Amino acid sequence: MNTTASPIAYIGPSGAGLGFALSGIAVAETDDASHALQLVKEWKANNSYQIIFMDEGLADPHLDAIRLLNEDSLPAIMLLPNPSKPTHTAAKNLQQLMIRAIGSDIFST
């Protein structure tokens, strides 16, 4: 049995992390966007995770801070769509990350 910690984490609203937890991904649930940002900053400072998935609804109030945190290669902060309250921020963020990674907007071609 592998007992190493997952290099992946998820931050989402209360009750949304069960599927992630069942797949072995570390989960933090909060309904407070400021607390979610604080967790990301702590995890980044401690090199806790390589990939952090975050609900777009929690990310929206702090997009500028998240973009700054995403300037480093790790951890990669990936926003996930919120099906109950879609803001399309996740798609826009992914598009920006792809442009930075490959130098071209592959979504508009």
PDB file of N, CA and C in Angstrom:
ATOM      1  N   MET A   1       0.838  -1.183   0.000  1.00  0.00           N
ATOM      2  CA  MET A   1       0.000   0.000   0.000  1.00  0.00           C
ATOM      3  C   MET A   1       0.879   1.241   0.000  1.00  0.00           C
ATOM      4  N   ASN A   2       0.578   2.190  -0.860  1.00  0.00           N
ATOM      5  CA  ASN A   2       1.323   3.440  -0.957  1.00  0.00           C
ATOM      6  C   ASN A   2       0.801   4.411   0.086  1.00  0.00           C
ATOM      7  N   THR A   3       1.682   4.867   0.978  1.00  0.00           N
ATOM      8  CA  THR A   3       1.242   5.765   2.043  1.00  0.00           C
ATOM      9  C   THR A   3       1.739   7.186   1.845  1.00  0.00           C
ATOM     10  N   THR A   4       2.326   7.487   0.676  1.00  0.00           N
ATOM     11  CA  THR A   4       2.787   8.853   0.441  1.00  0.00           C
ATOM     12  C   THR A   4       1.593   9.758   0.199  1.00  0.00           C
ATOM     13  N   ALA A   5       1.761  11.002   0.582  1.00  0.00           N
ATOM     14  CA  ALA A   5       0.684  11.970   0.406  1.00  0.00           C
ATOM     15  C   ALA A   5       0.516  12.302  -1.075  1.00  0.00           C
ATOM     16  N   SER A   6      -0.690  12.623  -1.452  1.00  0.00           N
ATOM     17  CA  SER A   6      -0.972  13.007  -2.825  1.00  0.00           C
ATOM     18  C   SER A   6      -0.361  14.374  -3.114  1.00  0.00           C
ATOM     19  N   PRO A   7       0.203  14.542  -4.306  1.00  0.00           N
ATOM     20  CA  PRO A   7       0.725  15.854  -4.671  1.00  0.00           C
ATOM     21  C   PRO A   7      -0.375  16.799  -5.155  1.00  0.00           C
ATOM     22  N   ILE A   8      -1.625  16.361  -5.016  1.00  0.00           N
ATOM     23  CA  ILE A   8      -2.768  17.126  -5.525  1.00  0.00           C
ATOM     24  C   ILE A   8      -3.718  17.439  -4.382  1.00  0.00           C
ATOM     25  N   ALA A   9      -4.270  18.659  -4.423  1.00  0.00           N
ATOM     26  CA  ALA A   9      -5.248  19.067  -3.418  1.00  0.00           C
ATOM     27  C   ALA A   9      -6.433  19.743  -4.107  1.00  0.00           C
ATOM     28  N   TYR A  10      -7.540  19.774  -3.398  1.00  0.00           N
ATOM     29  CA  TYR A  10      -8.761  20.427  -3.889  1.00  0.00           C
ATOM     30  C   TYR A  10      -9.299  21.332  -2.794  1.00  0.00           C
ATOM     31  N   ILE A  11      -9.684  22.553  -3.177  1.00  0.00           N
ATOM     32  CA  ILE A  11     -10.377  23.476  -2.273  1.00  0.00           C
ATOM     33  C   ILE A  11     -11.719  23.790  -2.906  1.00  0.00           C
ATOM     34  N   GLY A  12     -12.781  23.512  -2.157  1.00  0.00           N
ATOM     35  CA  GLY A  12     -14.105  23.774  -2.687  1.00  0.00           C
ATOM     36  C   GLY A  12     -15.102  24.049  -1.587  1.00  0.00           C
ATOM     37  N   PRO A  13     -16.322  24.326  -1.979  1.00  0.00           N
ATOM     38  CA  PRO A  13     -17.354  24.607  -0.989  1.00  0.00           C
ATOM     39  C   PRO A  13     -17.710  23.372  -0.177  1.00  0.00           C
ATOM     40  N   SER A  14     -18.302  23.606   0.957  1.00  0.00           N
ATOM     41  CA  SER A  14     -18.686  22.506   1.854  1.00  0.00           C
ATOM     42  C   SER A  14     -19.537  21.476   1.111  1.00  0.00           C
ATOM     43  N   GLY A  15     -19.170  20.219   1.274  1.00  0.00           N
ATOM     44  CA  GLY A  15     -19.924  19.127   0.674  1.00  0.00           C
ATOM     45  C   GLY A  15     -19.519  18.768  -0.730  1.00  0.00           C
ATOM     46  N   ALA A  16     -18.562  19.486  -1.330  1.00  0.00           N
ATOM     47  CA  ALA A  16     -18.204  19.241  -2.722  1.00  0.00           C
ATOM     48  C   ALA A  16     -16.963  18.377  -2.903  1.00  0.00           C
ATOM     49  N   GLY A  17     -16.274  18.044  -1.830  1.00  0.00           N
ATOM     50  CA  GLY A  17     -14.992  17.377  -1.966  1.00  0.00           C
ATOM     51  C   GLY A  17     -14.988  15.870  -1.846  1.00  0.00           C
ATOM     52  N   LEU A  18     -16.130  15.244  -1.660  1.00  0.00           N
ATOM     53  CA  LEU A  18     -16.164  13.805  -1.424  1.00  0.00           C
ATOM     54  C   LEU A  18     -15.512  13.008  -2.543  1.00  0.00           C
ATOM     55  N   GLY A  19     -15.842  13.305  -3.774  1.00  0.00           N
ATOM     56  CA  GLY A  19     -15.268  12.566  -4.903  1.00  0.00           C
ATOM     57  C   GLY A  19     -13.758  12.690  -4.959  1.00  0.00           C
ATOM     58  N   PHE A  20     -13.252  13.876  -4.651  1.00  0.00           N
ATOM     59  CA  PHE A  20     -11.806  14.079  -4.631  1.00  0.00           C
ATOM     60  C   PHE A  20     -11.176  13.266  -3.506  1.00  0.00           C
ATOM     61  N   ALA A  21     -11.781  13.320  -2.339  1.00  0.00           N
ATOM     62  CA  ALA A  21     -11.253  12.588  -1.183  1.00  0.00           C
ATOM     63  C   ALA A  21     -11.233  11.089  -1.458  1.00  0.00           C
ATOM     64  N   LEU A  22     -12.279  10.567  -2.089  1.00  0.00           N
ATOM     65  CA  LEU A  22     -12.341   9.141  -2.384  1.00  0.00           C
ATOM     66  C   LEU A  22     -11.258   8.709  -3.367  1.00  0.00           C
ATOM     67  N   SER A  23     -10.778   9.656  -4.181  1.00  0.00           N
ATOM     68  CA  SER A  23      -9.718   9.318  -5.136  1.00  0.00           C
ATOM     69  C   SER A  23      -8.329   9.574  -4.565  1.00  0.00           C
ATOM     70  N   GLY A  24      -8.249   9.909  -3.286  1.00  0.00           N
ATOM     71  CA  GLY A  24      -6.961  10.072  -2.633  1.00  0.00           C
ATOM     72  C   GLY A  24      -6.380  11.466  -2.679  1.00  0.00           C
ATOM     73  N   ILE A  25      -7.152  12.407  -3.151  1.00  0.00           N
ATOM     74  CA  ILE A  25      -6.710  13.793  -3.229  1.00  0.00           C
ATOM     75  C   ILE A  25      -7.027  14.483  -1.905  1.00  0.00           C
ATOM     76  N   ALA A  26      -6.078  15.294  -1.427  1.00  0.00           N
ATOM     77  CA  ALA A  26      -6.304  16.061  -0.199  1.00  0.00           C
ATOM     78  C   ALA A  26      -7.417  17.075  -0.446  1.00  0.00           C
ATOM     79  N   VAL A  27      -8.315  17.229   0.520  1.00  0.00           N
ATOM     80  CA  VAL A  27      -9.475  18.096   0.354  1.00  0.00           C
ATOM     81  C   VAL A  27      -9.563  19.087   1.508  1.00  0.00           C
ATOM     82  N   ALA A  28      -9.831  20.344   1.155  1.00  0.00           N
ATOM     83  CA  ALA A  28     -10.160  21.367   2.144  1.00  0.00           C
ATOM     84  C   ALA A  28     -11.476  21.986   1.690  1.00  0.00           C
ATOM     85  N   GLU A  29     -12.451  21.989   2.569  1.00  0.00           N
ATOM     86  CA  GLU A  29     -13.754  22.561   2.230  1.00  0.00           C
ATOM     87  C   GLU A  29     -13.970  23.833   3.033  1.00  0.00           C
ATOM     88  N   THR A  30     -14.394  24.868   2.331  1.00  0.00           N
ATOM     89  CA  THR A  30     -14.705  26.138   2.967  1.00  0.00           C
ATOM     90  C   THR A  30     -15.675  26.897   2.074  1.00  0.00           C
ATOM     91  N   ASP A  31     -16.480  27.720   2.681  1.00  0.00           N
ATOM     92  CA  ASP A  31     -17.374  28.584   1.915  1.00  0.00           C
ATOM     93  C   ASP A  31     -16.874  30.023   1.913  1.00  0.00           C
ATOM     94  N   ASP A  32     -15.703  30.239   2.484  1.00  0.00           N
ATOM     95  CA  ASP A  32     -15.109  31.565   2.614  1.00  0.00           C
ATOM     96  C   ASP A  32     -13.957  31.708   1.616  1.00  0.00           C
ATOM     97  N   ALA A  33     -14.113  32.593   0.644  1.00  0.00           N
ATOM     98  CA  ALA A  33     -13.104  32.773  -0.403  1.00  0.00           C
ATOM     99  C   ALA A  33     -11.765  33.246   0.163  1.00  0.00           C
ATOM    100  N   SER A  34     -11.790  34.076   1.186  1.00  0.00           N
ATOM    101  CA  SER A  34     -10.543  34.549   1.794  1.00  0.00           C
ATOM    102  C   SER A  34      -9.794  33.407   2.472  1.00  0.00           C
ATOM    103  N   HIS A  35     -10.529  32.524   3.123  1.00  0.00           N
ATOM    104  CA  HIS A  35      -9.909  31.356   3.745  1.00  0.00           C
ATOM    105  C   HIS A  35      -9.313  30.437   2.684  1.00  0.00           C
ATOM    106  N   ALA A  36      -9.992  30.283   1.575  1.00  0.00           N
ATOM    107  CA  ALA A  36      -9.484  29.450   0.483  1.00  0.00           C
ATOM    108  C   ALA A  36      -8.165  30.016  -0.044  1.00  0.00           C
ATOM    109  N   LEU A  37      -8.101  31.317  -0.235  1.00  0.00           N
ATOM    110  CA  LEU A  37      -6.872  31.953  -0.699  1.00  0.00           C
ATOM    111  C   LEU A  37      -5.757  31.777   0.326  1.00  0.00           C
ATOM    112  N   GLN A  38      -6.078  31.905   1.583  1.00  0.00           N
ATOM    113  CA  GLN A  38      -5.093  31.723   2.654  1.00  0.00           C
ATOM    114  C   GLN A  38      -4.517  30.299   2.603  1.00  0.00           C
ATOM    115  N   LEU A  39      -5.382  29.312   2.385  1.00  0.00           N
ATOM    116  CA  LEU A  39      -4.912  27.925   2.271  1.00  0.00           C
ATOM    117  C   LEU A  39      -3.953  27.752   1.096  1.00  0.00           C
ATOM    118  N   VAL A  40      -4.301  28.341  -0.035  1.00  0.00           N
ATOM    119  CA  VAL A  40      -3.432  28.237  -1.212  1.00  0.00           C
ATOM    120  C   VAL A  40      -2.065  28.846  -0.906  1.00  0.00           C
ATOM    121  N   LYS A  41      -2.058  29.997  -0.269  1.00  0.00           N
ATOM    122  CA  LYS A  41      -0.791  30.652   0.064  1.00  0.00           C
ATOM    123  C   LYS A  41       0.040  29.806   1.027  1.00  0.00           C
ATOM    124  N   GLU A  42      -0.610  29.212   2.018  1.00  0.00           N
ATOM    125  CA  GLU A  42       0.099  28.349   2.968  1.00  0.00           C
ATOM    126  C   GLU A  42       0.671  27.120   2.266  1.00  0.00           C
ATOM    127  N   TRP A  43      -0.138  26.499   1.421  1.00  0.00           N
ATOM    128  CA  TRP A  43       0.317  25.309   0.716  1.00  0.00           C
ATOM    129  C   TRP A  43       1.483  25.637  -0.207  1.00  0.00           C
ATOM    130  N   LYS A  44       1.418  26.801  -0.847  1.00  0.00           N
ATOM    131  CA  LYS A  44       2.498  27.218  -1.730  1.00  0.00           C
ATOM    132  C   LYS A  44       3.770  27.458  -0.924  1.00  0.00           C
ATOM    133  N   ALA A  45       3.666  28.166   0.190  1.00  0.00           N
ATOM    134  CA  ALA A  45       4.834  28.461   1.022  1.00  0.00           C
ATOM    135  C   ALA A  45       5.482  27.195   1.564  1.00  0.00           C
ATOM    136  N   ASN A  46       4.678  26.183   1.843  1.00  0.00           N
ATOM    137  CA  ASN A  46       5.180  24.925   2.406  1.00  0.00           C
ATOM    138  C   ASN A  46       5.499  23.871   1.346  1.00  0.00           C
ATOM    139  N   ASN A  47       5.326  24.220   0.081  1.00  0.00           N
ATOM    140  CA  ASN A  47       5.515  23.242  -1.002  1.00  0.00           C
ATOM    141  C   ASN A  47       4.711  21.969  -0.750  1.00  0.00           C
ATOM    142  N   SER A  48       3.488  22.151  -0.288  1.00  0.00           N
ATOM    143  CA  SER A  48       2.659  21.009   0.090  1.00  0.00           C
ATOM    144  C   SER A  48       2.129  20.218  -1.100  1.00  0.00           C
ATOM    145  N   TYR A  49       1.799  20.909  -2.189  1.00  0.00           N
ATOM    146  CA  TYR A  49       1.167  20.244  -3.332  1.00  0.00           C
ATOM    147  C   TYR A  49       1.733  20.768  -4.633  1.00  0.00           C
ATOM    148  N   GLN A  50       1.654  19.952  -5.662  1.00  0.00           N
ATOM    149  CA  GLN A  50       2.108  20.368  -6.986  1.00  0.00           C
ATOM    150  C   GLN A  50       0.961  20.899  -7.833  1.00  0.00           C
ATOM    151  N   ILE A  51      -0.231  20.397  -7.572  1.00  0.00           N
ATOM    152  CA  ILE A  51      -1.428  20.853  -8.281  1.00  0.00           C
ATOM    153  C   ILE A  51      -2.503  21.136  -7.251  1.00  0.00           C
ATOM    154  N   ILE A  52      -3.109  22.300  -7.375  1.00  0.00           N
ATOM    155  CA  ILE A  52      -4.219  22.659  -6.492  1.00  0.00           C
ATOM    156  C   ILE A  52      -5.423  22.971  -7.373  1.00  0.00           C
ATOM    157  N   PHE A  53      -6.462  22.172  -7.222  1.00  0.00           N
ATOM    158  CA  PHE A  53      -7.731  22.442  -7.894  1.00  0.00           C
ATOM    159  C   PHE A  53      -8.566  23.309  -6.960  1.00  0.00           C
ATOM    160  N   MET A  54      -9.177  24.328  -7.525  1.00  0.00           N
ATOM    161  CA  MET A  54      -9.948  25.265  -6.705  1.00  0.00           C
ATOM    162  C   MET A  54     -11.264  25.598  -7.410  1.00  0.00           C
ATOM    163  N   ASP A  55     -12.337  25.610  -6.664  1.00  0.00           N
ATOM    164  CA  ASP A  55     -13.647  25.966  -7.197  1.00  0.00           C
ATOM    165  C   ASP A  55     -13.619  27.415  -7.679  1.00  0.00           C
ATOM    166  N   GLU A  56     -14.139  27.643  -8.892  1.00  0.00           N
ATOM    167  CA  GLU A  56     -14.093  28.990  -9.461  1.00  0.00           C
ATOM    168  C   GLU A  56     -14.869  30.007  -8.640  1.00  0.00           C
ATOM    169  N   GLY A  57     -15.891  29.579  -7.943  1.00  0.00           N
ATOM    170  CA  GLY A  57     -16.662  30.503  -7.113  1.00  0.00           C
ATOM    171  C   GLY A  57     -15.844  31.041  -5.946  1.00  0.00           C
ATOM    172  N   LEU A  58     -14.959  30.206  -5.388  1.00  0.00           N
ATOM    173  CA  LEU A  58     -14.089  30.655  -4.310  1.00  0.00           C
ATOM    174  C   LEU A  58     -12.941  31.506  -4.844  1.00  0.00           C
ATOM    175  N   ALA A  59     -12.557  31.261  -6.076  1.00  0.00           N
ATOM    176  CA  ALA A  59     -11.441  31.989  -6.667  1.00  0.00           C
ATOM    177  C   ALA A  59     -11.832  33.375  -7.168  1.00  0.00           C
ATOM    178  N   ASP A  60     -13.070  33.541  -7.610  1.00  0.00           N
ATOM    179  CA  ASP A  60     -13.506  34.790  -8.241  1.00  0.00           C
ATOM    180  C   ASP A  60     -13.135  36.070  -7.481  1.00  0.00           C
ATOM    181  N   PRO A  61     -13.363  36.151  -6.174  1.00  0.00           N
ATOM    182  CA  PRO A  61     -13.051  37.407  -5.482  1.00  0.00           C
ATOM    183  C   PRO A  61     -11.546  37.718  -5.407  1.00  0.00           C
ATOM    184  N   HIS A  62     -10.714  36.723  -5.679  1.00  0.00           N
ATOM    185  CA  HIS A  62      -9.270  36.904  -5.524  1.00  0.00           C
ATOM    186  C   HIS A  62      -8.505  36.497  -6.782  1.00  0.00           C
ATOM    187  N   LEU A  63      -9.072  36.734  -7.955  1.00  0.00           N
ATOM    188  CA  LEU A  63      -8.441  36.274  -9.197  1.00  0.00           C
ATOM    189  C   LEU A  63      -7.061  36.879  -9.417  1.00  0.00           C
ATOM    190  N   ASP A  64      -6.888  38.149  -9.103  1.00  0.00           N
ATOM    191  CA  ASP A  64      -5.581  38.774  -9.309  1.00  0.00           C
ATOM    192  C   ASP A  64      -4.512  38.111  -8.444  1.00  0.00           C
ATOM    193  N   ALA A  65      -4.842  37.826  -7.199  1.00  0.00           N
ATOM    194  CA  ALA A  65      -3.892  37.162  -6.294  1.00  0.00           C
ATOM    195  C   ALA A  65      -3.584  35.756  -6.783  1.00  0.00           C
ATOM    196  N   ILE A  66      -4.582  35.052  -7.280  1.00  0.00           N
ATOM    197  CA  ILE A  66      -4.376  33.691  -7.771  1.00  0.00           C
ATOM    198  C   ILE A  66      -3.516  33.709  -9.029  1.00  0.00           C
ATOM    199  N   ARG A  67      -3.733  34.674  -9.888  1.00  0.00           N
ATOM    200  CA  ARG A  67      -2.898  34.781 -11.091  1.00  0.00           C
ATOM    201  C   ARG A  67      -1.444  35.048 -10.718  1.00  0.00           C
ATOM    202  N   LEU A  68      -1.219  35.869  -9.717  1.00  0.00           N
ATOM    203  CA  LEU A  68       0.153  36.116  -9.256  1.00  0.00           C
ATOM    204  C   LEU A  68       0.778  34.837  -8.692  1.00  0.00           C
ATOM    205  N   LEU A  69       0.012  34.101  -7.905  1.00  0.00           N
ATOM    206  CA  LEU A  69       0.509  32.849  -7.351  1.00  0.00           C
ATOM    207  C   LEU A  69       0.787  31.828  -8.457  1.00  0.00           C
ATOM    208  N   ASN A  70       0.060  31.917  -9.537  1.00  0.00           N
ATOM    209  CA  ASN A  70       0.199  30.973 -10.645  1.00  0.00           C
ATOM    210  C   ASN A  70       1.369  31.314 -11.558  1.00  0.00           C
ATOM    211  N   GLU A  71       2.061  32.418 -11.295  1.00  0.00           N
ATOM    212  CA  GLU A  71       3.193  32.779 -12.146  1.00  0.00           C
ATOM    213  C   GLU A  71       4.354  31.814 -11.980  1.00  0.00           C
ATOM    214  N   ASP A  72       4.479  31.206 -10.801  1.00  0.00           N
ATOM    215  CA  ASP A  72       5.472  30.161 -10.605  1.00  0.00           C
ATOM    216  C   ASP A  72       4.943  28.876 -11.215  1.00  0.00           C
ATOM    217  N   SER A  73       5.851  28.004 -11.602  1.00  0.00           N
ATOM    218  CA  SER A  73       5.407  26.776 -12.252  1.00  0.00           C
ATOM    219  C   SER A  73       4.677  25.838 -11.283  1.00  0.00           C
ATOM    220  N   LEU A  74       5.088  25.829 -10.015  1.00  0.00           N
ATOM    221  CA  LEU A  74       4.432  24.983  -9.025  1.00  0.00           C
ATOM    222  C   LEU A  74       4.120  25.772  -7.773  1.00  0.00           C
ATOM    223  N   PRO A  75       3.037  25.549  -7.162  1.00  0.00           N
ATOM    224  CA  PRO A  75       1.993  24.643  -7.610  1.00  0.00           C
ATOM    225  C   PRO A  75       1.162  25.265  -8.728  1.00  0.00           C
ATOM    226  N   ALA A  76       0.665  24.424  -9.580  1.00  0.00           N
ATOM    227  CA  ALA A  76      -0.267  24.884 -10.612  1.00  0.00           C
ATOM    228  C   ALA A  76      -1.641  24.979  -9.955  1.00  0.00           C
ATOM    229  N   ILE A  77      -2.248  26.135 -10.066  1.00  0.00           N
ATOM    230  CA  ILE A  77      -3.570  26.352  -9.480  1.00  0.00           C
ATOM    231  C   ILE A  77      -4.584  26.311 -10.618  1.00  0.00           C
ATOM    232  N   MET A  78      -5.379  25.264 -10.632  1.00  0.00           N
ATOM    233  CA  MET A  78      -6.353  25.059 -11.692  1.00  0.00           C
ATOM    234  C   MET A  78      -7.751  25.295 -11.144  1.00  0.00           C
ATOM    235  N   LEU A  79      -8.469  26.191 -11.794  1.00  0.00           N
ATOM    236  CA  LEU A  79      -9.839  26.481 -11.377  1.00  0.00           C
ATOM    237  C   LEU A  79     -10.786  25.489 -12.036  1.00  0.00           C
ATOM    238  N   LEU A  80     -11.736  25.024 -11.242  1.00  0.00           N
ATOM    239  CA  LEU A  80     -12.741  24.081 -11.736  1.00  0.00           C
ATOM    240  C   LEU A  80     -14.097  24.756 -11.791  1.00  0.00           C
ATOM    241  N   PRO A  81     -14.873  24.473 -12.832  1.00  0.00           N
ATOM    242  CA  PRO A  81     -16.205  25.068 -12.937  1.00  0.00           C
ATOM    243  C   PRO A  81     -17.099  24.634 -11.782  1.00  0.00           C
ATOM    244  N   ASN A  82     -17.973  25.529 -11.397  1.00  0.00           N
ATOM    245  CA  ASN A  82     -18.963  25.241 -10.369  1.00  0.00           C
ATOM    246  C   ASN A  82     -20.298  25.071 -11.075  1.00  0.00           C
ATOM    247  N   PRO A  83     -20.804  23.833 -11.188  1.00  0.00           N
ATOM    248  CA  PRO A  83     -22.019  23.611 -11.958  1.00  0.00           C
ATOM    249  C   PRO A  83     -23.247  24.314 -11.397  1.00  0.00           C
ATOM    250  N   SER A  84     -23.278  24.556 -10.096  1.00  0.00           N
ATOM    251  CA  SER A  84     -24.457  25.211  -9.528  1.00  0.00           C
ATOM    252  C   SER A  84     -24.419  26.731  -9.662  1.00  0.00           C
ATOM    253  N   LYS A  85     -23.221  27.297  -9.798  1.00  0.00           N
ATOM    254  CA  LYS A  85     -23.070  28.750  -9.955  1.00  0.00           C
ATOM    255  C   LYS A  85     -21.969  29.040 -10.971  1.00  0.00           C
ATOM    256  N   PRO A  86     -22.185  28.726 -12.239  1.00  0.00           N
ATOM    257  CA  PRO A  86     -21.113  28.907 -13.227  1.00  0.00           C
ATOM    258  C   PRO A  86     -20.776  30.380 -13.458  1.00  0.00           C
ATOM    259  N   THR A  87     -19.480  30.664 -13.457  1.00  0.00           N
ATOM    260  CA  THR A  87     -19.015  32.026 -13.748  1.00  0.00           C
ATOM    261  C   THR A  87     -18.114  32.038 -14.978  1.00  0.00           C
ATOM    262  N   HIS A  88     -17.760  30.886 -15.487  1.00  0.00           N
ATOM    263  CA  HIS A  88     -16.884  30.703 -16.645  1.00  0.00           C
ATOM    264  C   HIS A  88     -15.463  31.202 -16.390  1.00  0.00           C
ATOM    265  N   THR A  89     -15.144  31.464 -15.142  1.00  0.00           N
ATOM    266  CA  THR A  89     -13.801  31.890 -14.780  1.00  0.00           C
ATOM    267  C   THR A  89     -12.807  30.767 -15.018  1.00  0.00           C
ATOM    268  N   ALA A  90     -13.200  29.536 -14.781  1.00  0.00           N
ATOM    269  CA  ALA A  90     -12.297  28.392 -14.954  1.00  0.00           C
ATOM    270  C   ALA A  90     -11.825  28.301 -16.405  1.00  0.00           C
ATOM    271  N   ALA A  91     -12.723  28.469 -17.348  1.00  0.00           N
ATOM    272  CA  ALA A  91     -12.356  28.389 -18.763  1.00  0.00           C
ATOM    273  C   ALA A  91     -11.423  29.529 -19.152  1.00  0.00           C
ATOM    274  N   LYS A  92     -11.693  30.720 -18.679  1.00  0.00           N
ATOM    275  CA  LYS A  92     -10.831  31.871 -18.973  1.00  0.00           C
ATOM    276  C   LYS A  92      -9.443  31.672 -18.377  1.00  0.00           C
ATOM    277  N   ASN A  93      -9.379  31.149 -17.164  1.00  0.00           N
ATOM    278  CA  ASN A  93      -8.100  30.907 -16.509  1.00  0.00           C
ATOM    279  C   ASN A  93      -7.294  29.849 -17.263  1.00  0.00           C
ATOM    280  N   LEU A  94      -7.955  28.772 -17.686  1.00  0.00           N
ATOM    281  CA  LEU A  94      -7.279  27.732 -18.445  1.00  0.00           C
ATOM    282  C   LEU A  94      -6.734  28.289 -19.757  1.00  0.00           C
ATOM    283  N   GLN A  95      -7.501  29.138 -20.398  1.00  0.00           N
ATOM    284  CA  GLN A  95      -7.056  29.747 -21.645  1.00  0.00           C
ATOM    285  C   GLN A  95      -5.789  30.578 -21.411  1.00  0.00           C
ATOM    286  N   GLN A  96      -5.753  31.354 -20.344  1.00  0.00           N
ATOM    287  CA  GLN A  96      -4.572  32.162 -20.036  1.00  0.00           C
ATOM    288  C   GLN A  96      -3.361  31.280 -19.730  1.00  0.00           C
ATOM    289  N   LEU A  97      -3.580  30.190 -18.987  1.00  0.00           N
ATOM    290  CA  LEU A  97      -2.479  29.277 -18.682  1.00  0.00           C
ATOM    291  C   LEU A  97      -1.937  28.623 -19.951  1.00  0.00           C
ATOM    292  N   MET A  98      -2.820  28.256 -20.869  1.00  0.00           N
ATOM    293  CA  MET A  98      -2.384  27.630 -22.114  1.00  0.00           C
ATOM    294  C   MET A  98      -1.602  28.612 -22.976  1.00  0.00           C
ATOM    295  N   ILE A  99      -2.038  29.857 -23.023  1.00  0.00           N
ATOM    296  CA  ILE A  99      -1.307  30.870 -23.795  1.00  0.00           C
ATOM    297  C   ILE A  99       0.095  31.034 -23.222  1.00  0.00           C
ATOM    298  N   ARG A 100       0.183  31.070 -21.897  1.00  0.00           N
ATOM    299  CA  ARG A 100       1.495  31.223 -21.264  1.00  0.00           C
ATOM    300  C   ARG A 100       2.372  29.995 -21.500  1.00  0.00           C
ATOM    301  N   ALA A 101       1.766  28.816 -21.474  1.00  0.00           N
ATOM    302  CA  ALA A 101       2.535  27.586 -21.607  1.00  0.00           C
ATOM    303  C   ALA A 101       3.036  27.348 -23.020  1.00  0.00           C
ATOM    304  N   ILE A 102       2.189  27.594 -24.016  1.00  0.00           N
ATOM    305  CA  ILE A 102       2.588  27.274 -25.382  1.00  0.00           C
ATOM    306  C   ILE A 102       2.742  28.495 -26.284  1.00  0.00           C
ATOM    307  N   GLY A 103       2.396  29.660 -25.788  1.00  0.00           N
ATOM    308  CA  GLY A 103       2.597  30.890 -26.541  1.00  0.00           C
ATOM    309  C   GLY A 103       1.540  31.180 -27.582  1.00  0.00           C
ATOM    310  N   SER A 104       0.444  30.464 -27.569  1.00  0.00           N
ATOM    311  CA  SER A 104      -0.591  30.668 -28.565  1.00  0.00           C
ATOM    312  C   SER A 104      -1.954  30.354 -27.966  1.00  0.00           C
ATOM    313  N   ASP A 105      -2.972  31.013 -28.467  1.00  0.00           N
ATOM    314  CA  ASP A 105      -4.327  30.759 -28.006  1.00  0.00           C
ATOM    315  C   ASP A 105      -4.951  29.671 -28.872  1.00  0.00           C
ATOM    316  N   ILE A 106      -4.836  28.430 -28.415  1.00  0.00           N
ATOM    317  CA  ILE A 106      -5.346  27.310 -29.200  1.00  0.00           C
ATOM    318  C   ILE A 106      -6.866  27.203 -29.153  1.00  0.00           C
ATOM    319  N   PHE A 107      -7.496  27.918 -28.205  1.00  0.00           N
ATOM    320  CA  PHE A 107      -8.951  27.854 -28.090  1.00  0.00           C
ATOM    321  C   PHE A 107      -9.672  28.699 -29.127  1.00  0.00           C
ATOM    322  N   SER A 108      -8.995  29.695 -29.681  1.00  0.00           N
ATOM    323  CA  SER A 108      -9.686  30.584 -30.616  1.00  0.00           C
ATOM    324  C   SER A 108      -9.429  30.188 -32.062  1.00  0.00           C
ATOM    325  N   THR A 109      -8.696  29.105 -32.303  1.00  0.00           N
ATOM    326  CA  THR A 109      -8.417  28.702 -33.678  1.00  0.00           C
ATOM    327  C   THR A 109      -9.367  27.635 -34.130  1.00  0.00           C
TER     328      THR A 109
END
